[in-house]
Amino acid sequence: MGVASPVEAFAGSRPLEGSRGGLALGIDTARILRWYTIAIGVALGLGALRFGVEVALGRPYNELAPFLSVDREASLPTWVSVMLLGAIGGFMHLAASAARAGGEGTARSWKVLGWIFIYMAADELVAIHEGFDRLGASLVPGGGLFHFGWVVFGLIAVAAAGLGFLPFLFRLRRITAIRLFVAGAVYVFGALGLEMLGGLVIEATEDSFWRGVMAMFEETFEMVGLALALRAVLLHLAATQAQFRVEAATG
């Protein structure tokens, strides 16, 4: 059996009954997860290879560094993260549609979460959060764990989201709630926890090796957390046996 492309991941399409030019689409969760897992592995693997070359050479490897670096914008790892965040946001909107069709009370929360992930994709692409560095540093002076001032607002956002979506988690199937919680914990540990530890490393040493190590760990935890979140949403859709209608408009 050949490996399907990402476009073919929406498998099992069939004509809609009683309509012309419409399809009902099923989601092949295994294929989607396989392709994103491959993308994550390639991005992190090449990033680690670039870092290893820099360590071996004892100097920055400028030829492909911007494209392969895990801590730069407009790089392969950044684009993979953007695709992951966007995909999760999109599938959460599908989960909202499925919940609404099933008369569940979780549709609005799924939709809000979907928009949050789409915003996170935009932030990952253009680093909106870094614009809050100076303001955050003015609120919590002294550096250290708060070397990157934006983490102040990140911690506030995480606390608010945790409290705000707690009722939503209790309304979900237990296994889905556990999967989403674990995914969120892994992602937040990478995006905030390791970012804060990275601030300590930056202030403690000028050695680029340890900065690179922290960046690799941070990006790895972020991507693993996103992969777990994608898996949680896809398995939720599979468990609800959600199907989605696509109809062509007729003039």
Protein backbone atom coordinates (compact mmCIF):
# COMPACT_ATOMS: atom_id res chain seq x y z
CA MET A 1 0.00 0.00 0.00
CA GLY A 2 1.43 3.39 -0.99
CA VAL A 3 1.70 6.36 1.33
CA ALA A 4 -1.07 8.86 0.75
CA SER A 5 -0.34 12.53 0.32
CA PRO A 6 -1.67 15.09 2.84
CA VAL A 7 -4.43 15.99 0.39
CA GLU A 8 -5.56 12.36 0.36
CA ALA A 9 -5.75 12.30 4.15
CA PHE A 10 -9.44 13.16 3.85
CA ALA A 11 -10.37 9.69 2.73
CA GLY A 12 -13.67 7.90 2.29
CA SER A 13 -15.49 10.60 0.38
CA ARG A 14 -18.86 9.66 -1.07
CA PRO A 15 -21.64 11.52 -2.89
CA LEU A 16 -24.29 13.19 -0.75
CA GLU A 17 -27.72 11.67 -1.12
CA GLY A 18 -30.26 13.91 -2.74
CA SER A 19 -27.77 16.55 -3.88
CA ARG A 20 -25.75 17.30 -6.98
CA GLY A 21 -22.04 17.93 -6.85
CA GLY A 22 -21.71 17.32 -3.09
CA LEU A 23 -19.52 15.04 -1.02
CA ALA A 24 -19.46 13.67 2.51
CA LEU A 25 -15.88 13.59 3.76
CA GLY A 26 -14.38 11.24 6.31
CA ILE A 27 -11.09 12.03 8.08
CA ASP A 28 -8.26 9.50 8.01
CA THR A 29 -6.68 10.32 11.36
CA ALA A 30 -3.80 7.86 10.97
CA ARG A 31 -2.61 9.40 7.70
CA ILE A 32 -2.86 12.95 8.97
CA LEU A 33 -0.88 12.10 12.10
CA ARG A 34 1.69 10.19 10.04
CA TRP A 35 2.39 13.15 7.77
CA TYR A 36 2.66 15.63 10.62
CA THR A 37 4.90 13.26 12.58
CA ILE A 38 7.18 13.01 9.55
CA ALA A 39 7.24 16.81 9.23
CA ILE A 40 8.11 17.22 12.92
CA GLY A 41 10.86 14.60 12.70
CA VAL A 42 12.40 16.22 9.62
CA ALA A 43 12.29 19.74 11.11
CA LEU A 44 13.77 18.73 14.46
CA GLY A 45 16.27 16.35 12.87
CA LEU A 46 17.63 18.98 10.50
CA GLY A 47 17.68 21.53 13.30
CA ALA A 48 19.71 19.15 15.47
CA LEU A 49 22.03 18.42 12.53
CA ARG A 50 22.65 22.14 11.99
CA PHE A 51 23.37 22.57 15.69
CA GLY A 52 25.74 19.59 15.64
CA VAL A 53 27.62 21.04 12.66
CA GLU A 54 28.02 24.34 14.51
CA VAL A 55 29.39 22.53 17.57
CA ALA A 56 31.80 20.52 15.40
CA LEU A 57 33.00 23.60 13.51
CA GLY A 58 33.17 25.74 16.61
CA ARG A 59 31.45 28.60 14.82
CA PRO A 60 28.01 29.54 13.46
CA TYR A 61 27.04 27.63 10.33
CA ASN A 62 25.67 30.55 8.35
CA GLU A 63 25.01 28.81 5.03
CA LEU A 64 21.71 27.19 6.09
CA ALA A 65 21.42 28.38 9.69
CA PRO A 66 18.49 30.77 9.23
CA PHE A 67 16.42 28.14 7.40
CA LEU A 68 17.11 25.22 9.77
CA SER A 69 17.44 27.03 13.10
CA VAL A 70 14.83 26.15 15.73
CA ASP A 71 14.94 29.60 17.33
CA ARG A 72 14.47 31.85 14.29
CA GLU A 73 11.43 33.04 12.38
CA ALA A 74 11.05 32.12 8.69
CA SER A 75 12.71 28.75 9.31
CA LEU A 76 11.60 25.18 8.60
CA PRO A 77 10.77 24.39 12.27
CA THR A 78 8.73 27.60 12.49
CA TRP A 79 6.72 26.72 9.39
CA VAL A 80 6.04 23.21 10.71
CA SER A 81 4.79 24.70 13.99
CA VAL A 82 2.59 27.15 12.07
CA MET A 83 1.08 24.29 10.05
CA LEU A 84 0.48 22.27 13.22
CA LEU A 85 -1.20 25.15 15.03
CA GLY A 86 -3.33 25.99 12.01
CA ALA A 87 -4.37 22.36 11.54
CA ILE A 88 -5.32 22.01 15.20
CA GLY A 89 -7.36 25.21 14.99
CA GLY A 90 -9.12 23.98 11.85
CA PHE A 91 -9.96 20.58 13.30
CA MET A 92 -11.23 22.23 16.49
CA HIS A 93 -13.68 24.18 14.33
CA LEU A 94 -14.79 20.87 12.83
CA ALA A 95 -15.20 19.50 16.36
CA ALA A 96 -17.39 22.52 17.12
CA SER A 97 -19.56 21.74 14.09
CA ALA A 98 -19.85 18.09 15.15
CA ALA A 99 -20.76 19.10 18.71
CA ARG A 100 -23.41 21.51 17.45
CA ALA A 101 -24.89 18.85 15.18
CA GLY A 102 -24.97 16.40 18.09
CA GLY A 103 -26.65 18.87 20.42
CA GLU A 104 -23.66 18.96 22.79
CA GLY A 105 -22.84 21.96 24.95
CA THR A 106 -19.18 22.11 23.95
CA ALA A 107 -19.52 23.68 20.50
CA ARG A 108 -18.75 27.26 21.57
CA SER A 109 -15.67 26.22 23.57
CA TRP A 110 -14.32 24.18 20.66
CA LYS A 111 -14.79 27.18 18.38
CA VAL A 112 -13.07 29.62 20.77
CA LEU A 113 -10.18 27.18 21.19
CA GLY A 114 -9.96 26.89 17.42
CA TRP A 115 -9.58 30.66 17.04
CA ILE A 116 -6.98 30.72 19.82
CA PHE A 117 -4.87 28.17 17.97
CA ILE A 118 -5.21 30.09 14.71
CA TYR A 119 -4.01 33.22 16.55
CA MET A 120 -1.12 31.17 17.96
CA ALA A 121 -0.21 30.15 14.41
CA ALA A 122 -0.04 33.82 13.39
CA ASP A 123 1.99 34.62 16.51
CA GLU A 124 4.42 31.80 15.77
CA LEU A 125 4.92 33.19 12.28
CA VAL A 126 5.52 36.85 13.15
CA ALA A 127 6.44 36.62 16.89
CA ILE A 128 3.71 38.97 18.15
CA HIS A 129 4.47 37.98 21.75
CA GLU A 130 7.99 39.42 21.59
CA GLY A 131 6.45 42.87 21.29
CA PHE A 132 5.46 42.56 24.96
CA ASP A 133 9.04 42.02 26.17
CA ARG A 134 9.66 45.59 27.30
CA LEU A 135 6.30 45.98 29.03
CA GLY A 136 6.69 42.66 30.82
CA ALA A 137 10.20 43.54 31.95
CA SER A 138 8.89 46.80 33.41
CA LEU A 139 6.28 44.90 35.43
CA VAL A 140 8.71 42.27 36.77
CA PRO A 141 12.20 43.79 36.77
CA GLY A 142 15.31 41.84 37.67
CA GLY A 143 15.65 39.41 34.78
CA GLY A 144 16.37 35.81 35.70
CA LEU A 145 13.33 33.68 34.98
CA PHE A 146 11.71 36.81 33.53
CA HIS A 147 14.62 37.67 31.24
CA PHE A 148 12.07 37.49 28.41
CA GLY A 149 9.44 39.95 29.59
CA TRP A 150 6.64 38.49 27.47
CA VAL A 151 6.47 35.37 29.68
CA VAL A 152 4.65 37.49 32.29
CA PHE A 153 1.70 37.81 29.93
CA GLY A 154 2.15 34.21 28.82
CA LEU A 155 1.70 33.00 32.40
CA ILE A 156 -1.38 35.20 32.82
CA ALA A 157 -2.85 33.88 29.56
CA VAL A 158 -2.20 30.25 30.54
CA ALA A 159 -3.80 30.76 33.97
CA ALA A 160 -6.84 32.47 32.43
CA ALA A 161 -7.23 29.78 29.77
CA GLY A 162 -6.86 27.02 32.34
CA LEU A 163 -9.60 28.45 34.53
CA GLY A 164 -11.82 29.46 31.62
CA PHE A 165 -11.74 26.09 29.88
CA LEU A 166 -11.90 23.91 33.00
CA PRO A 167 -15.71 23.46 32.71
CA PHE A 168 -15.21 22.56 29.04
CA LEU A 169 -12.79 19.77 29.97
CA PHE A 170 -15.27 18.34 32.46
CA ARG A 171 -17.97 18.23 29.77
CA LEU A 172 -15.77 16.26 27.36
CA ARG A 173 -15.27 12.52 27.29
CA ARG A 174 -12.72 11.74 30.00
CA ILE A 175 -10.11 10.34 27.62
CA THR A 176 -10.35 13.42 25.37
CA ALA A 177 -10.01 15.75 28.36
CA ILE A 178 -6.94 13.86 29.61
CA ARG A 179 -5.32 13.93 26.17
CA LEU A 180 -5.90 17.67 25.77
CA PHE A 181 -4.62 18.37 29.29
CA VAL A 182 -1.43 16.37 28.75
CA ALA A 183 -0.85 18.03 25.36
CA GLY A 184 -1.33 21.47 26.89
CA ALA A 185 0.99 20.70 29.80
CA VAL A 186 3.77 19.50 27.47
CA TYR A 187 3.40 22.51 25.18
CA VAL A 188 3.32 25.06 28.02
CA PHE A 189 6.36 23.45 29.65
CA GLY A 190 8.26 23.95 26.40
CA ALA A 191 6.92 27.36 25.38
CA LEU A 192 6.98 28.99 28.83
CA GLY A 193 8.85 26.78 31.28
CA LEU A 194 11.91 26.19 29.13
CA GLU A 195 11.79 29.77 27.82
CA MET A 196 12.10 30.98 31.41
CA LEU A 197 14.94 28.55 32.14
CA GLY A 198 16.55 29.70 28.91
CA GLY A 199 16.56 33.23 30.30
CA LEU A 200 18.58 32.01 33.26
CA VAL A 201 21.03 30.27 30.92
CA ILE A 202 21.48 33.41 28.81
CA GLU A 203 22.26 35.49 31.88
CA ALA A 204 24.56 32.84 33.38
CA THR A 205 26.75 32.14 30.36
CA GLU A 206 27.70 33.51 26.98
CA ASP A 207 28.36 29.98 25.69
CA SER A 208 26.22 29.54 22.57
CA PHE A 209 26.28 25.75 23.06
CA TRP A 210 23.97 25.83 26.08
CA ARG A 211 21.72 28.39 24.44
CA GLY A 212 21.40 26.06 21.47
CA VAL A 213 20.65 23.09 23.73
CA MET A 214 17.86 25.01 25.47
CA ALA A 215 16.41 26.10 22.12
CA MET A 216 16.36 22.49 20.88
CA PHE A 217 14.63 21.24 24.04
CA GLU A 218 12.12 24.09 23.93
CA GLU A 219 11.16 23.49 20.30
CA THR A 220 10.98 19.73 20.83
CA PHE A 221 8.55 20.01 23.74
CA GLU A 222 6.45 22.54 21.84
CA MET A 223 6.16 20.32 18.76
CA VAL A 224 5.47 17.18 20.79
CA GLY A 225 2.75 19.05 22.68
CA LEU A 226 1.19 20.21 19.42
CA ALA A 227 1.35 16.70 17.97
CA LEU A 228 -0.42 15.36 21.07
CA ALA A 229 -3.07 18.09 20.75
CA LEU A 230 -3.64 17.25 17.09
CA ARG A 231 -3.94 13.57 17.98
CA ALA A 232 -6.41 14.36 20.77
CA VAL A 233 -8.70 16.37 18.48
CA LEU A 234 -8.53 13.85 15.63
CA LEU A 235 -9.28 10.91 17.94
CA HIS A 236 -12.17 12.90 19.40
CA LEU A 237 -13.59 13.43 15.91
CA ALA A 238 -13.12 9.74 15.13
CA ALA A 239 -14.88 8.73 18.36
CA THR A 240 -17.87 10.93 17.53
CA GLN A 241 -17.92 9.44 14.01
CA ALA A 242 -18.19 12.96 12.65
CA GLN A 243 -18.86 13.40 8.95
CA PHE A 244 -18.75 16.70 7.12
CA ARG A 245 -20.82 17.80 4.17
CA VAL A 246 -19.32 19.69 1.27
CA GLU A 247 -21.77 20.96 -1.35
CA ALA A 248 -21.08 22.99 -4.46
CA ALA A 249 -23.20 26.13 -4.78
CA THR A 250 -25.38 26.16 -7.88
CA GLY A 251 -26.40 29.28 -9.73
